[in-house]
């Protein structure tokens, strides 16, 4: 059976998530000032897979050696705009 789970992320430092291997990343949003990703997972898949994510603000440095996949952009109640990337 598949379900959508929400995971919270840290800002400006990598966050490690253990999720089933064939999970699908659906979106990134800021909820109550907390960065989150929603991921479709299969509850019957026992194998866990480590995925790394990083949140960076507009104008923040991103290390050159990181291989990234863009997930999405959202903004907090203030003037900050945050960008979520999966670290490959």
PDB file of N, CA and C in Angstrom:
ATOM      1  N   UNK A   1       0.837  -1.172   0.000  1.00  0.00           N
ATOM      2  CA  UNK A   1       0.000   0.000   0.000  1.00  0.00           C
ATOM      3  C   UNK A   1       0.887   1.243   0.000  1.00  0.00           C
ATOM      4  N   UNK A   2       0.512   2.218  -0.805  1.00  0.00           N
ATOM      5  CA  UNK A   2       1.284   3.461  -0.880  1.00  0.00           C
ATOM      6  C   UNK A   2       0.572   4.560  -0.106  1.00  0.00           C
ATOM      7  N   UNK A   3       1.379   5.423   0.507  1.00  0.00           N
ATOM      8  CA  UNK A   3       0.869   6.581   1.248  1.00  0.00           C
ATOM      9  C   UNK A   3       1.810   7.759   1.011  1.00  0.00           C
ATOM     10  N   UNK A   4       1.313   8.950   1.272  1.00  0.00           N
ATOM     11  CA  UNK A   4       2.145  10.147   1.207  1.00  0.00           C
ATOM     12  C   UNK A   4       2.561  10.491   2.631  1.00  0.00           C
ATOM     13  N   UNK A   5       3.871  10.630   2.848  1.00  0.00           N
ATOM     14  CA  UNK A   5       4.413  11.048   4.139  1.00  0.00           C
ATOM     15  C   UNK A   5       5.076  12.402   3.988  1.00  0.00           C
ATOM     16  N   UNK A   6       5.029  13.157   5.075  1.00  0.00           N
ATOM     17  CA  UNK A   6       5.711  14.460   5.121  1.00  0.00           C
ATOM     18  C   UNK A   6       6.968  14.303   5.974  1.00  0.00           C
ATOM     19  N   UNK A   7       8.070  14.877   5.475  1.00  0.00           N
ATOM     20  CA  UNK A   7       9.341  14.863   6.184  1.00  0.00           C
ATOM     21  C   UNK A   7       9.829  16.301   6.334  1.00  0.00           C
ATOM     22  N   UNK A   8      10.339  16.645   7.502  1.00  0.00           N
ATOM     23  CA  UNK A   8      10.872  17.990   7.707  1.00  0.00           C
ATOM     24  C   UNK A   8      12.359  18.015   7.371  1.00  0.00           C
ATOM     25  N   UNK A   9      12.826  19.167   6.913  1.00  0.00           N
ATOM     26  CA  UNK A   9      14.213  19.344   6.493  1.00  0.00           C
ATOM     27  C   UNK A   9      14.860  20.492   7.251  1.00  0.00           C
ATOM     28  N   UNK A  10      16.183  20.470   7.326  1.00  0.00           N
ATOM     29  CA  UNK A  10      16.953  21.554   7.935  1.00  0.00           C
ATOM     30  C   UNK A  10      17.328  22.564   6.852  1.00  0.00           C
ATOM     31  N   UNK A  11      17.566  23.786   7.266  1.00  0.00           N
ATOM     32  CA  UNK A  11      17.988  24.833   6.329  1.00  0.00           C
ATOM     33  C   UNK A  11      19.511  24.947   6.352  1.00  0.00           C
ATOM     34  N   UNK A  12      20.112  25.018   5.166  1.00  0.00           N
ATOM     35  CA  UNK A  12      21.554  25.228   4.975  1.00  0.00           C
ATOM     36  C   UNK A  12      22.451  24.110   5.477  1.00  0.00           C
ATOM     37  N   UNK A  13      21.882  22.959   5.776  1.00  0.00           N
ATOM     38  CA  UNK A  13      22.706  21.791   6.087  1.00  0.00           C
ATOM     39  C   UNK A  13      21.993  20.542   5.577  1.00  0.00           C
ATOM     40  N   UNK A  14      22.755  19.552   5.142  1.00  0.00           N
ATOM     41  CA  UNK A  14      22.126  18.355   4.583  1.00  0.00           C
ATOM     42  C   UNK A  14      21.242  17.638   5.602  1.00  0.00           C
ATOM     43  N   UNK A  15      20.118  17.116   5.116  1.00  0.00           N
ATOM     44  CA  UNK A  15      19.205  16.305   5.921  1.00  0.00           C
ATOM     45  C   UNK A  15      19.141  14.921   5.297  1.00  0.00           C
ATOM     46  N   UNK A  16      19.333  13.890   6.127  1.00  0.00           N
ATOM     47  CA  UNK A  16      19.290  12.508   5.666  1.00  0.00           C
ATOM     48  C   UNK A  16      17.925  11.921   6.001  1.00  0.00           C
ATOM     49  N   UNK A  17      17.293  11.299   4.998  1.00  0.00           N
ATOM     50  CA  UNK A  17      16.022  10.617   5.209  1.00  0.00           C
ATOM     51  C   UNK A  17      16.166   9.152   4.840  1.00  0.00           C
ATOM     52  N   UNK A  18      15.566   8.279   5.628  1.00  0.00           N
ATOM     53  CA  UNK A  18      15.518   6.850   5.303  1.00  0.00           C
ATOM     54  C   UNK A  18      14.119   6.567   4.776  1.00  0.00           C
ATOM     55  N   UNK A  19      14.041   6.247   3.496  1.00  0.00           N
ATOM     56  CA  UNK A  19      12.758   5.998   2.853  1.00  0.00           C
ATOM     57  C   UNK A  19      12.873   4.739   2.000  1.00  0.00           C
ATOM     58  N   UNK A  20      11.740   4.113   1.668  1.00  0.00           N
ATOM     59  CA  UNK A  20      11.809   2.945   0.774  1.00  0.00           C
ATOM     60  C   UNK A  20      12.440   3.324  -0.570  1.00  0.00           C
ATOM     61  N   UNK A  21      13.141   2.391  -1.162  1.00  0.00           N
ATOM     62  CA  UNK A  21      13.961   2.644  -2.341  1.00  0.00           C
ATOM     63  C   UNK A  21      13.198   3.247  -3.515  1.00  0.00           C
ATOM     64  N   UNK A  22      12.005   2.801  -3.814  1.00  0.00           N
ATOM     65  CA  UNK A  22      11.286   3.271  -4.994  1.00  0.00           C
ATOM     66  C   UNK A  22      10.293   4.388  -4.674  1.00  0.00           C
ATOM     67  N   UNK A  23      10.601   5.203  -3.689  1.00  0.00           N
ATOM     68  CA  UNK A  23       9.717   6.304  -3.305  1.00  0.00           C
ATOM     69  C   UNK A  23       9.753   7.403  -4.352  1.00  0.00           C
ATOM     70  N   UNK A  24       8.687   8.216  -4.375  1.00  0.00           N
ATOM     71  CA  UNK A  24       8.589   9.316  -5.338  1.00  0.00           C
ATOM     72  C   UNK A  24       8.462  10.642  -4.590  1.00  0.00           C
ATOM     73  N   UNK A  25       9.387  11.544  -4.835  1.00  0.00           N
ATOM     74  CA  UNK A  25       9.348  12.860  -4.213  1.00  0.00           C
ATOM     75  C   UNK A  25       8.279  13.676  -4.936  1.00  0.00           C
ATOM     76  N   UNK A  26       7.290  14.163  -4.176  1.00  0.00           N
ATOM     77  CA  UNK A  26       6.165  14.859  -4.786  1.00  0.00           C
ATOM     78  C   UNK A  26       6.341  16.374  -4.798  1.00  0.00           C
ATOM     79  N   UNK A  27       6.690  16.971  -3.651  1.00  0.00           N
ATOM     80  CA  UNK A  27       6.831  18.429  -3.638  1.00  0.00           C
ATOM     81  C   UNK A  27       7.561  18.905  -2.395  1.00  0.00           C
ATOM     82  N   UNK A  28       7.947  20.173  -2.445  1.00  0.00           N
ATOM     83  CA  UNK A  28       8.591  20.877  -1.336  1.00  0.00           C
ATOM     84  C   UNK A  28       7.774  22.119  -1.039  1.00  0.00           C
ATOM     85  N   UNK A  29       7.491  22.352   0.240  1.00  0.00           N
ATOM     86  CA  UNK A  29       6.777  23.556   0.672  1.00  0.00           C
ATOM     87  C   UNK A  29       7.242  23.927   2.077  1.00  0.00           C
ATOM     88  N   UNK A  30       7.005  25.185   2.432  1.00  0.00           N
ATOM     89  CA  UNK A  30       7.215  25.644   3.800  1.00  0.00           C
ATOM     90  C   UNK A  30       5.864  25.548   4.499  1.00  0.00           C
ATOM     91  N   UNK A  31       5.801  24.809   5.615  1.00  0.00           N
ATOM     92  CA  UNK A  31       4.567  24.676   6.375  1.00  0.00           C
ATOM     93  C   UNK A  31       4.835  25.133   7.807  1.00  0.00           C
ATOM     94  N   UNK A  32       4.130  26.166   8.245  1.00  0.00           N
ATOM     95  CA  UNK A  32       4.331  26.720   9.595  1.00  0.00           C
ATOM     96  C   UNK A  32       5.799  27.070   9.837  1.00  0.00           C
ATOM     97  N   UNK A  33       6.420  27.685   8.817  1.00  0.00           N
ATOM     98  CA  UNK A  33       7.827  28.127   8.870  1.00  0.00           C
ATOM     99  C   UNK A  33       8.828  26.974   8.912  1.00  0.00           C
ATOM    100  N   UNK A  34       8.393  25.755   8.604  1.00  0.00           N
ATOM    101  CA  UNK A  34       9.279  24.580   8.597  1.00  0.00           C
ATOM    102  C   UNK A  34       9.335  24.029   7.179  1.00  0.00           C
ATOM    103  N   UNK A  35      10.547  23.862   6.607  1.00  0.00           N
ATOM    104  CA  UNK A  35      10.660  23.273   5.272  1.00  0.00           C
ATOM    105  C   UNK A  35      10.320  21.780   5.304  1.00  0.00           C
ATOM    106  N   UNK A  36       9.492  21.362   4.353  1.00  0.00           N
ATOM    107  CA  UNK A  36       9.029  19.969   4.313  1.00  0.00           C
ATOM    108  C   UNK A  36       9.043  19.440   2.885  1.00  0.00           C
ATOM    109  N   UNK A  37       9.221  18.134   2.756  1.00  0.00           N
ATOM    110  CA  UNK A  37       9.007  17.450   1.481  1.00  0.00           C
ATOM    111  C   UNK A  37       7.948  16.391   1.708  1.00  0.00           C
ATOM    112  N   UNK A  38       7.115  16.213   0.689  1.00  0.00           N
ATOM    113  CA  UNK A  38       6.103  15.169   0.710  1.00  0.00           C
ATOM    114  C   UNK A  38       6.551  14.097  -0.268  1.00  0.00           C
ATOM    115  N   UNK A  39       6.546  12.850   0.214  1.00  0.00           N
ATOM    116  CA  UNK A  39       7.083  11.732  -0.556  1.00  0.00           C
ATOM    117  C   UNK A  39       6.073  10.590  -0.565  1.00  0.00           C
ATOM    118  N   UNK A  40       5.816  10.043  -1.750  1.00  0.00           N
ATOM    119  CA  UNK A  40       4.951   8.883  -1.897  1.00  0.00           C
ATOM    120  C   UNK A  40       5.791   7.643  -1.628  1.00  0.00           C
ATOM    121  N   UNK A  41       5.412   6.880  -0.598  1.00  0.00           N
ATOM    122  CA  UNK A  41       6.186   5.697  -0.230  1.00  0.00           C
ATOM    123  C   UNK A  41       5.293   4.462  -0.242  1.00  0.00           C
ATOM    124  N   UNK A  42       5.932   3.316  -0.412  1.00  0.00           N
ATOM    125  CA  UNK A  42       5.244   2.030  -0.377  1.00  0.00           C
ATOM    126  C   UNK A  42       5.500   1.410   0.997  1.00  0.00           C
ATOM    127  N   UNK A  43       4.440   1.275   1.798  1.00  0.00           N
ATOM    128  CA  UNK A  43       4.585   0.735   3.153  1.00  0.00           C
ATOM    129  C   UNK A  43       5.004  -0.729   3.167  1.00  0.00           C
ATOM    130  N   UNK A  44       4.820  -1.424   2.073  1.00  0.00           N
ATOM    131  CA  UNK A  44       5.175  -2.835   2.008  1.00  0.00           C
ATOM    132  C   UNK A  44       6.627  -3.058   1.572  1.00  0.00           C
ATOM    133  N   UNK A  45       7.297  -1.998   1.187  1.00  0.00           N
ATOM    134  CA  UNK A  45       8.707  -2.100   0.772  1.00  0.00           C
ATOM    135  C   UNK A  45       9.581  -2.003   2.021  1.00  0.00           C
ATOM    136  N   UNK A  46      10.185  -3.107   2.438  1.00  0.00           N
ATOM    137  CA  UNK A  46      10.957  -3.095   3.683  1.00  0.00           C
ATOM    138  C   UNK A  46      12.321  -2.425   3.562  1.00  0.00           C
ATOM    139  N   UNK A  47      12.863  -2.402   2.369  1.00  0.00           N
ATOM    140  CA  UNK A  47      14.210  -1.867   2.222  1.00  0.00           C
ATOM    141  C   UNK A  47      14.210  -0.353   2.396  1.00  0.00           C
ATOM    142  N   UNK A  48      15.150   0.131   3.167  1.00  0.00           N
ATOM    143  CA  UNK A  48      15.284   1.568   3.367  1.00  0.00           C
ATOM    144  C   UNK A  48      16.408   2.086   2.495  1.00  0.00           C
ATOM    145  N   UNK A  49      16.235   3.273   2.011  1.00  0.00           N
ATOM    146  CA  UNK A  49      17.188   3.907   1.118  1.00  0.00           C
ATOM    147  C   UNK A  49      17.503   5.278   1.685  1.00  0.00           C
ATOM    148  N   UNK A  50      18.756   5.629   1.741  1.00  0.00           N
ATOM    149  CA  UNK A  50      19.125   6.931   2.275  1.00  0.00           C
ATOM    150  C   UNK A  50      19.079   7.974   1.172  1.00  0.00           C
ATOM    151  N   UNK A  51      18.352   9.019   1.413  1.00  0.00           N
ATOM    152  CA  UNK A  51      18.296  10.154   0.497  1.00  0.00           C
ATOM    153  C   UNK A  51      18.710  11.395   1.272  1.00  0.00           C
ATOM    154  N   UNK A  52      19.479  12.230   0.617  1.00  0.00           N
ATOM    155  CA  UNK A  52      19.949  13.467   1.231  1.00  0.00           C
ATOM    156  C   UNK A  52      19.317  14.659   0.528  1.00  0.00           C
ATOM    157  N   UNK A  53      18.919  15.639   1.319  1.00  0.00           N
ATOM    158  CA  UNK A  53      18.323  16.865   0.798  1.00  0.00           C
ATOM    159  C   UNK A  53      19.026  18.057   1.411  1.00  0.00           C
ATOM    160  N   UNK A  54      18.990  19.182   0.696  1.00  0.00           N
ATOM    161  CA  UNK A  54      19.536  20.417   1.245  1.00  0.00           C
ATOM    162  C   UNK A  54      18.638  21.580   0.810  1.00  0.00           C
ATOM    163  N   UNK A  55      18.428  22.507   1.734  1.00  0.00           N
ATOM    164  CA  UNK A  55      17.635  23.711   1.490  1.00  0.00           C
ATOM    165  C   UNK A  55      18.593  24.894   1.477  1.00  0.00           C
ATOM    166  N   UNK A  56      18.521  25.688   0.431  1.00  0.00           N
ATOM    167  CA  UNK A  56      19.355  26.888   0.326  1.00  0.00           C
ATOM    168  C   UNK A  56      18.471  28.087   0.009  1.00  0.00           C
ATOM    169  N   UNK A  57      18.822  29.219   0.563  1.00  0.00           N
ATOM    170  CA  UNK A  57      18.099  30.449   0.275  1.00  0.00           C
ATOM    171  C   UNK A  57      18.640  31.111  -0.981  1.00  0.00           C
ATOM    172  N   UNK A  58      17.835  31.984  -1.556  1.00  0.00           N
ATOM    173  CA  UNK A  58      18.288  32.756  -2.714  1.00  0.00           C
ATOM    174  C   UNK A  58      19.534  33.547  -2.320  1.00  0.00           C
ATOM    175  N   UNK A  59      20.578  33.433  -3.122  1.00  0.00           N
ATOM    176  CA  UNK A  59      21.833  34.134  -2.856  1.00  0.00           C
ATOM    177  C   UNK A  59      22.795  33.382  -1.959  1.00  0.00           C
ATOM    178  N   UNK A  60      22.374  32.267  -1.369  1.00  0.00           N
ATOM    179  CA  UNK A  60      23.271  31.479  -0.517  1.00  0.00           C
ATOM    180  C   UNK A  60      24.213  30.655  -1.384  1.00  0.00           C
ATOM    181  N   UNK A  61      25.423  30.467  -0.893  1.00  0.00           N
ATOM    182  CA  UNK A  61      26.401  29.669  -1.631  1.00  0.00           C
ATOM    183  C   UNK A  61      26.000  28.204  -1.661  1.00  0.00           C
ATOM    184  N   UNK A  62      26.268  27.567  -2.800  1.00  0.00           N
ATOM    185  CA  UNK A  62      26.085  26.125  -2.956  1.00  0.00           C
ATOM    186  C   UNK A  62      27.438  25.556  -3.365  1.00  0.00           C
ATOM    187  N   UNK A  63      27.899  24.579  -2.609  1.00  0.00           N
ATOM    188  CA  UNK A  63      29.211  23.994  -2.847  1.00  0.00           C
ATOM    189  C   UNK A  63      29.295  23.439  -4.269  1.00  0.00           C
ATOM    190  N   UNK A  64      30.423  23.720  -4.941  1.00  0.00           N
ATOM    191  CA  UNK A  64      30.616  23.294  -6.333  1.00  0.00           C
ATOM    192  C   UNK A  64      30.636  21.786  -6.508  1.00  0.00           C
ATOM    193  N   UNK A  65      31.064  21.052  -5.481  1.00  0.00           N
ATOM    194  CA  UNK A  65      31.209  19.605  -5.638  1.00  0.00           C
ATOM    195  C   UNK A  65      29.901  18.833  -5.414  1.00  0.00           C
ATOM    196  N   UNK A  66      28.812  19.521  -5.073  1.00  0.00           N
ATOM    197  CA  UNK A  66      27.529  18.841  -4.881  1.00  0.00           C
ATOM    198  C   UNK A  66      26.814  18.629  -6.207  1.00  0.00           C
ATOM    199  N   UNK A  67      26.364  17.397  -6.445  1.00  0.00           N
ATOM    200  CA  UNK A  67      25.499  17.117  -7.593  1.00  0.00           C
ATOM    201  C   UNK A  67      24.078  17.174  -7.070  1.00  0.00           C
ATOM    202  N   UNK A  68      23.278  18.072  -7.630  1.00  0.00           N
ATOM    203  CA  UNK A  68      21.955  18.342  -7.087  1.00  0.00           C
ATOM    204  C   UNK A  68      20.856  18.143  -8.117  1.00  0.00           C
ATOM    205  N   UNK A  69      19.686  17.740  -7.631  1.00  0.00           N
ATOM    206  CA  UNK A  69      18.473  17.680  -8.445  1.00  0.00           C
ATOM    207  C   UNK A  69      17.479  18.635  -7.793  1.00  0.00           C
ATOM    208  N   UNK A  70      16.994  19.593  -8.555  1.00  0.00           N
ATOM    209  CA  UNK A  70      16.055  20.585  -8.047  1.00  0.00           C
ATOM    210  C   UNK A  70      14.711  19.928  -7.734  1.00  0.00           C
ATOM    211  N   UNK A  71      14.155  20.218  -6.544  1.00  0.00           N
ATOM    212  CA  UNK A  71      12.864  19.682  -6.129  1.00  0.00           C
ATOM    213  C   UNK A  71      11.787  20.766  -6.168  1.00  0.00           C
ATOM    214  N   UNK A  72      12.101  21.955  -5.641  1.00  0.00           N
ATOM    215  CA  UNK A  72      11.088  23.003  -5.640  1.00  0.00           C
ATOM    216  C   UNK A  72      11.539  24.242  -4.894  1.00  0.00           C
ATOM    217  N   UNK A  73      10.703  25.284  -4.969  1.00  0.00           N
ATOM    218  CA  UNK A  73      10.967  26.572  -4.325  1.00  0.00           C
ATOM    219  C   UNK A  73       9.716  27.003  -3.580  1.00  0.00           C
ATOM    220  N   UNK A  74       9.910  27.602  -2.398  1.00  0.00           N
ATOM    221  CA  UNK A  74       8.804  28.168  -1.634  1.00  0.00           C
ATOM    222  C   UNK A  74       9.353  29.306  -0.787  1.00  0.00           C
ATOM    223  N   UNK A  75       8.475  30.038  -0.149  1.00  0.00           N
ATOM    224  CA  UNK A  75       8.909  31.181   0.662  1.00  0.00           C
ATOM    225  C   UNK A  75       8.290  31.101   2.043  1.00  0.00           C
ATOM    226  N   UNK A  76       8.998  31.676   3.010  1.00  0.00           N
ATOM    227  CA  UNK A  76       8.482  31.735   4.368  1.00  0.00           C
ATOM    228  C   UNK A  76       7.702  33.042   4.526  1.00  0.00           C
ATOM    229  N   UNK A  77       7.095  33.229   5.682  1.00  0.00           N
ATOM    230  CA  UNK A  77       6.252  34.401   5.909  1.00  0.00           C
ATOM    231  C   UNK A  77       7.026  35.705   5.762  1.00  0.00           C
ATOM    232  N   UNK A  78       8.314  35.676   6.040  1.00  0.00           N
ATOM    233  CA  UNK A  78       9.137  36.870   5.861  1.00  0.00           C
ATOM    234  C   UNK A  78       9.490  37.032   4.396  1.00  0.00           C
ATOM    235  N   UNK A  79      10.660  37.521   4.143  1.00  0.00           N
ATOM    236  CA  UNK A  79      11.065  37.762   2.762  1.00  0.00           C
ATOM    237  C   UNK A  79      12.015  36.691   2.221  1.00  0.00           C
ATOM    238  N   UNK A  80      12.166  35.588   2.935  1.00  0.00           N
ATOM    239  CA  UNK A  80      13.101  34.553   2.509  1.00  0.00           C
ATOM    240  C   UNK A  80      12.464  33.613   1.493  1.00  0.00           C
ATOM    241  N   UNK A  81      13.228  33.295   0.445  1.00  0.00           N
ATOM    242  CA  UNK A  81      12.807  32.319  -0.555  1.00  0.00           C
ATOM    243  C   UNK A  81      13.776  31.145  -0.459  1.00  0.00           C
ATOM    244  N   UNK A  82      13.225  29.935  -0.316  1.00  0.00           N
ATOM    245  CA  UNK A  82      14.022  28.730  -0.106  1.00  0.00           C
ATOM    246  C   UNK A  82      13.890  27.784  -1.288  1.00  0.00           C
ATOM    247  N   UNK A  83      14.996  27.121  -1.614  1.00  0.00           N
ATOM    248  CA  UNK A  83      15.077  26.200  -2.733  1.00  0.00           C
ATOM    249  C   UNK A  83      15.519  24.839  -2.208  1.00  0.00           C
ATOM    250  N   UNK A  84      14.779  23.798  -2.576  1.00  0.00           N
ATOM    251  CA  UNK A  84      15.073  22.442  -2.101  1.00  0.00           C
ATOM    252  C   UNK A  84      15.746  21.643  -3.219  1.00  0.00           C
ATOM    253  N   UNK A  85      16.809  20.941  -2.857  1.00  0.00           N
ATOM    254  CA  UNK A  85      17.536  20.088  -3.774  1.00  0.00           C
ATOM    255  C   UNK A  85      17.730  18.717  -3.163  1.00  0.00           C
ATOM    256  N   UNK A  86      17.680  17.696  -3.990  1.00  0.00           N
ATOM    257  CA  UNK A  86      18.092  16.350  -3.597  1.00  0.00           C
ATOM    258  C   UNK A  86      19.558  16.236  -3.938  1.00  0.00           C
ATOM    259  N   UNK A  87      20.354  15.753  -2.999  1.00  0.00           N
ATOM    260  CA  UNK A  87      21.780  15.556  -3.245  1.00  0.00           C
ATOM    261  C   UNK A  87      21.952  14.180  -3.885  1.00  0.00           C
ATOM    262  N   UNK A  88      22.509  14.143  -5.070  1.00  0.00           N
ATOM    263  CA  UNK A  88      22.678  12.871  -5.800  1.00  0.00           C
ATOM    264  C   UNK A  88      24.013  12.222  -5.481  1.00  0.00           C
TER     265      UNK A  88
END
